[in-house]
Amino acid sequence: GFRHYTVADCEFNSSKLNDIEYTQSYYYNKLEYVRFSSSVGKYVGYTEYGIKNAERLNNGPEVIARRAQKESYCLSNVGIDVESALTKS
């Protein structure tokens, strides 16, 4: 069978918004074909199919919604993770 999945990730050095990078990667059969990165601010394709999809996504409302994820998704969760880690160490 074939497998399609996405991975959302928040990488951070502190709980400050400018120290956080949000990425969302799209995979098909273990091959990443397109990714959104908050540091780039748009989708980037890695295969022929991914390049076509990145162009479509960057010209639609999806890119605007994805840009907001850094603040709405990462910032609140990073605060929880940092607080949890500090209380355990």
N, C-alpha and C. Protein backbone atom coordinates (compact mmCIF):
# COMPACT_ATOMS: atom_id res chain seq x y z
N GLY A 1 0.81 -1.18 0.00
CA GLY A 1 0.00 0.00 0.00
C GLY A 1 0.86 1.25 0.00
N PHE A 2 0.21 2.36 -0.13
CA PHE A 2 0.86 3.66 -0.15
C PHE A 2 0.53 4.40 1.13
N ARG A 3 1.43 5.26 1.55
CA ARG A 3 1.23 5.99 2.80
C ARG A 3 1.46 7.48 2.56
N HIS A 4 0.50 8.29 2.99
CA HIS A 4 0.61 9.74 2.93
C HIS A 4 0.45 10.26 4.36
N TYR A 5 1.35 11.15 4.78
CA TYR A 5 1.24 11.71 6.12
C TYR A 5 1.90 13.08 6.18
N THR A 6 1.53 13.83 7.21
CA THR A 6 2.12 15.15 7.44
C THR A 6 2.73 15.18 8.84
N VAL A 7 3.75 16.01 8.97
CA VAL A 7 4.41 16.18 10.27
C VAL A 7 4.51 17.68 10.54
N ALA A 8 3.93 18.11 11.65
CA ALA A 8 4.04 19.51 12.09
C ALA A 8 5.07 19.55 13.21
N ASP A 9 5.92 20.56 13.19
CA ASP A 9 7.04 20.60 14.11
C ASP A 9 7.32 22.04 14.55
N CYS A 10 7.59 22.20 15.83
CA CYS A 10 8.01 23.49 16.37
C CYS A 10 9.41 23.31 16.96
N GLU A 11 10.38 23.98 16.41
CA GLU A 11 11.74 23.94 16.95
C GLU A 11 12.00 25.28 17.64
N PHE A 12 12.59 25.20 18.84
CA PHE A 12 12.76 26.44 19.60
C PHE A 12 13.96 26.37 20.52
N ASN A 13 14.51 27.54 20.82
CA ASN A 13 15.59 27.69 21.79
C ASN A 13 15.10 28.38 23.05
N SER A 14 13.98 29.08 22.94
CA SER A 14 13.37 29.74 24.09
C SER A 14 11.88 29.88 23.78
N SER A 15 11.14 30.43 24.71
CA SER A 15 9.70 30.60 24.49
C SER A 15 9.37 31.91 23.79
N LYS A 16 10.38 32.62 23.30
CA LYS A 16 10.14 33.86 22.55
C LYS A 16 9.76 33.52 21.11
N LEU A 17 8.82 34.26 20.56
CA LEU A 17 8.29 33.97 19.23
C LEU A 17 9.37 33.99 18.15
N ASN A 18 10.35 34.90 18.26
CA ASN A 18 11.39 34.98 17.22
C ASN A 18 12.39 33.83 17.29
N ASP A 19 12.37 33.03 18.37
CA ASP A 19 13.26 31.87 18.50
C ASP A 19 12.56 30.56 18.10
N ILE A 20 11.38 30.66 17.53
CA ILE A 20 10.60 29.47 17.17
C ILE A 20 10.52 29.35 15.66
N GLU A 21 10.70 28.13 15.16
CA GLU A 21 10.46 27.86 13.74
C GLU A 21 9.39 26.78 13.64
N TYR A 22 8.35 27.08 12.88
CA TYR A 22 7.27 26.13 12.63
C TYR A 22 7.45 25.54 11.24
N THR A 23 7.39 24.22 11.13
CA THR A 23 7.42 23.57 9.82
C THR A 23 6.29 22.56 9.75
N GLN A 24 5.78 22.39 8.55
CA GLN A 24 4.83 21.32 8.28
C GLN A 24 5.28 20.65 7.00
N SER A 25 5.61 19.37 7.10
CA SER A 25 6.12 18.60 5.97
C SER A 25 5.09 17.59 5.52
N TYR A 26 5.01 17.38 4.21
CA TYR A 26 4.09 16.43 3.61
C TYR A 26 4.91 15.31 2.96
N TYR A 27 4.56 14.06 3.28
CA TYR A 27 5.29 12.90 2.81
C TYR A 27 4.37 11.96 2.03
N TYR A 28 4.97 11.29 1.07
CA TYR A 28 4.29 10.21 0.36
C TYR A 28 5.30 9.08 0.21
N ASN A 29 4.99 7.93 0.79
CA ASN A 29 5.90 6.78 0.79
C ASN A 29 7.30 7.15 1.29
N LYS A 30 7.36 7.81 2.42
CA LYS A 30 8.59 8.20 3.11
C LYS A 30 9.40 9.28 2.39
N LEU A 31 8.88 9.84 1.32
CA LEU A 31 9.58 10.89 0.57
C LEU A 31 8.89 12.23 0.81
N GLU A 32 9.62 13.18 1.37
CA GLU A 32 9.06 14.52 1.58
C GLU A 32 8.94 15.22 0.23
N TYR A 33 7.73 15.66 -0.09
CA TYR A 33 7.54 16.31 -1.38
C TYR A 33 7.25 17.80 -1.28
N VAL A 34 6.77 18.28 -0.16
CA VAL A 34 6.55 19.72 0.02
C VAL A 34 6.62 20.05 1.50
N ARG A 35 7.08 21.28 1.81
CA ARG A 35 7.21 21.71 3.20
C ARG A 35 6.88 23.20 3.31
N PHE A 36 6.19 23.54 4.41
CA PHE A 36 6.03 24.94 4.78
C PHE A 36 6.99 25.20 5.93
N SER A 37 7.73 26.30 5.85
CA SER A 37 8.64 26.70 6.92
C SER A 37 8.36 28.15 7.27
N SER A 38 8.20 28.43 8.56
CA SER A 38 7.93 29.81 8.97
C SER A 38 9.12 30.72 8.74
N SER A 39 10.33 30.16 8.72
CA SER A 39 11.50 31.01 8.46
C SER A 39 11.57 31.44 7.00
N VAL A 40 11.04 30.62 6.09
CA VAL A 40 10.96 30.98 4.67
C VAL A 40 9.67 31.75 4.40
N GLY A 41 8.60 31.38 5.10
CA GLY A 41 7.31 32.06 4.96
C GLY A 41 6.46 31.56 3.81
N LYS A 42 6.84 30.41 3.24
CA LYS A 42 6.05 29.87 2.13
C LYS A 42 6.32 28.37 2.01
N TYR A 43 5.58 27.74 1.10
CA TYR A 43 5.78 26.33 0.81
C TYR A 43 6.91 26.17 -0.19
N VAL A 44 7.70 25.10 -0.02
CA VAL A 44 8.79 24.77 -0.93
C VAL A 44 8.61 23.32 -1.35
N GLY A 45 8.69 23.07 -2.67
CA GLY A 45 8.55 21.71 -3.18
C GLY A 45 9.89 21.05 -3.39
N TYR A 46 9.93 19.72 -3.17
CA TYR A 46 11.17 18.96 -3.31
C TYR A 46 11.12 17.94 -4.44
N THR A 47 9.95 17.72 -5.00
CA THR A 47 9.79 16.83 -6.15
C THR A 47 9.00 17.59 -7.20
N GLU A 48 8.87 17.01 -8.37
CA GLU A 48 8.08 17.68 -9.42
C GLU A 48 6.65 17.91 -8.95
N TYR A 49 6.07 16.90 -8.32
CA TYR A 49 4.72 17.01 -7.77
C TYR A 49 4.68 18.06 -6.65
N GLY A 50 5.70 18.06 -5.79
CA GLY A 50 5.77 19.01 -4.68
C GLY A 50 5.92 20.45 -5.15
N ILE A 51 6.68 20.67 -6.20
CA ILE A 51 6.87 22.01 -6.74
C ILE A 51 5.55 22.56 -7.27
N LYS A 52 4.79 21.72 -7.95
CA LYS A 52 3.47 22.15 -8.47
C LYS A 52 2.53 22.46 -7.32
N ASN A 53 2.55 21.63 -6.29
CA ASN A 53 1.68 21.88 -5.13
C ASN A 53 2.11 23.10 -4.35
N ALA A 54 3.42 23.32 -4.21
CA ALA A 54 3.91 24.51 -3.50
C ALA A 54 3.45 25.78 -4.20
N GLU A 55 3.51 25.78 -5.51
CA GLU A 55 3.07 26.95 -6.27
C GLU A 55 1.58 27.21 -6.05
N ARG A 56 0.78 26.14 -6.08
CA ARG A 56 -0.66 26.27 -5.86
C ARG A 56 -0.95 26.75 -4.44
N LEU A 57 -0.28 26.17 -3.45
CA LEU A 57 -0.52 26.53 -2.05
C LEU A 57 -0.06 27.96 -1.76
N ASN A 58 1.04 28.39 -2.35
CA ASN A 58 1.56 29.74 -2.12
C ASN A 58 0.68 30.82 -2.75
N ASN A 59 -0.15 30.45 -3.72
CA ASN A 59 -1.05 31.41 -4.36
C ASN A 59 -2.46 31.34 -3.82
N GLY A 60 -2.69 30.55 -2.79
CA GLY A 60 -4.02 30.40 -2.21
C GLY A 60 -4.06 30.84 -0.75
N PRO A 61 -5.20 30.65 -0.12
CA PRO A 61 -5.35 31.06 1.28
C PRO A 61 -4.58 30.18 2.26
N GLU A 62 -4.13 29.01 1.81
CA GLU A 62 -3.44 28.08 2.71
C GLU A 62 -2.17 28.67 3.30
N VAL A 63 -1.42 29.42 2.49
CA VAL A 63 -0.14 29.96 2.98
C VAL A 63 -0.38 31.00 4.09
N ILE A 64 -1.44 31.76 3.98
CA ILE A 64 -1.75 32.76 5.01
C ILE A 64 -2.13 32.07 6.32
N ALA A 65 -2.94 31.02 6.21
CA ALA A 65 -3.34 30.27 7.41
C ALA A 65 -2.12 29.59 8.04
N ARG A 66 -1.24 29.05 7.24
CA ARG A 66 -0.06 28.35 7.76
C ARG A 66 0.88 29.32 8.45
N ARG A 67 1.01 30.54 7.94
CA ARG A 67 1.89 31.53 8.58
C ARG A 67 1.44 31.85 10.00
N ALA A 68 0.15 31.79 10.26
CA ALA A 68 -0.39 32.08 11.59
C ALA A 68 -0.14 30.94 12.57
N GLN A 69 0.19 29.76 12.08
CA GLN A 69 0.39 28.60 12.96
C GLN A 69 1.56 28.78 13.92
N LYS A 70 2.58 29.51 13.52
CA LYS A 70 3.73 29.71 14.40
C LYS A 70 3.27 30.31 15.73
N GLU A 71 2.42 31.30 15.64
CA GLU A 71 1.94 31.95 16.87
C GLU A 71 0.84 31.14 17.53
N SER A 72 -0.16 30.69 16.77
CA SER A 72 -1.31 30.04 17.39
C SER A 72 -1.01 28.62 17.87
N TYR A 73 -0.19 27.88 17.14
CA TYR A 73 0.10 26.49 17.52
C TYR A 73 1.37 26.38 18.37
N CYS A 74 2.45 26.94 17.88
CA CYS A 74 3.74 26.75 18.55
C CYS A 74 3.86 27.54 19.85
N LEU A 75 3.53 28.80 19.81
CA LEU A 75 3.80 29.66 20.97
C LEU A 75 3.14 29.13 22.24
N SER A 76 1.87 28.72 22.15
CA SER A 76 1.20 28.22 23.36
C SER A 76 1.77 26.87 23.80
N ASN A 77 2.09 25.99 22.85
CA ASN A 77 2.63 24.69 23.21
C ASN A 77 4.07 24.77 23.69
N VAL A 78 4.85 25.65 23.13
CA VAL A 78 6.24 25.82 23.58
C VAL A 78 6.25 26.28 25.03
N GLY A 79 5.39 27.19 25.39
CA GLY A 79 5.29 27.64 26.78
C GLY A 79 4.99 26.50 27.73
N ILE A 80 4.09 25.63 27.33
CA ILE A 80 3.74 24.46 28.16
C ILE A 80 4.94 23.52 28.25
N ASP A 81 5.60 23.25 27.12
CA ASP A 81 6.76 22.35 27.11
C ASP A 81 7.91 22.88 27.95
N VAL A 82 8.21 24.17 27.81
CA VAL A 82 9.30 24.77 28.57
C VAL A 82 8.99 24.70 30.07
N GLU A 83 7.79 25.07 30.45
CA GLU A 83 7.41 25.04 31.85
C GLU A 83 7.46 23.62 32.41
N SER A 84 7.01 22.66 31.64
CA SER A 84 7.04 21.27 32.06
C SER A 84 8.47 20.76 32.23
N ALA A 85 9.34 21.10 31.30
CA ALA A 85 10.74 20.66 31.36
C ALA A 85 11.47 21.30 32.53
N LEU A 86 11.19 22.59 32.80
CA LEU A 86 11.88 23.28 33.88
C LEU A 86 11.48 22.74 35.24
N THR A 87 10.24 22.32 35.39
CA THR A 87 9.79 21.80 36.68
C THR A 87 10.31 20.38 36.93
N LYS A 88 10.73 19.68 35.87
CA LYS A 88 11.23 18.30 36.00
C LYS A 88 12.75 18.25 36.19
N SER A 89 13.44 19.31 35.82
CA SER A 89 14.91 19.25 35.91
C SER A 89 15.43 19.72 37.25
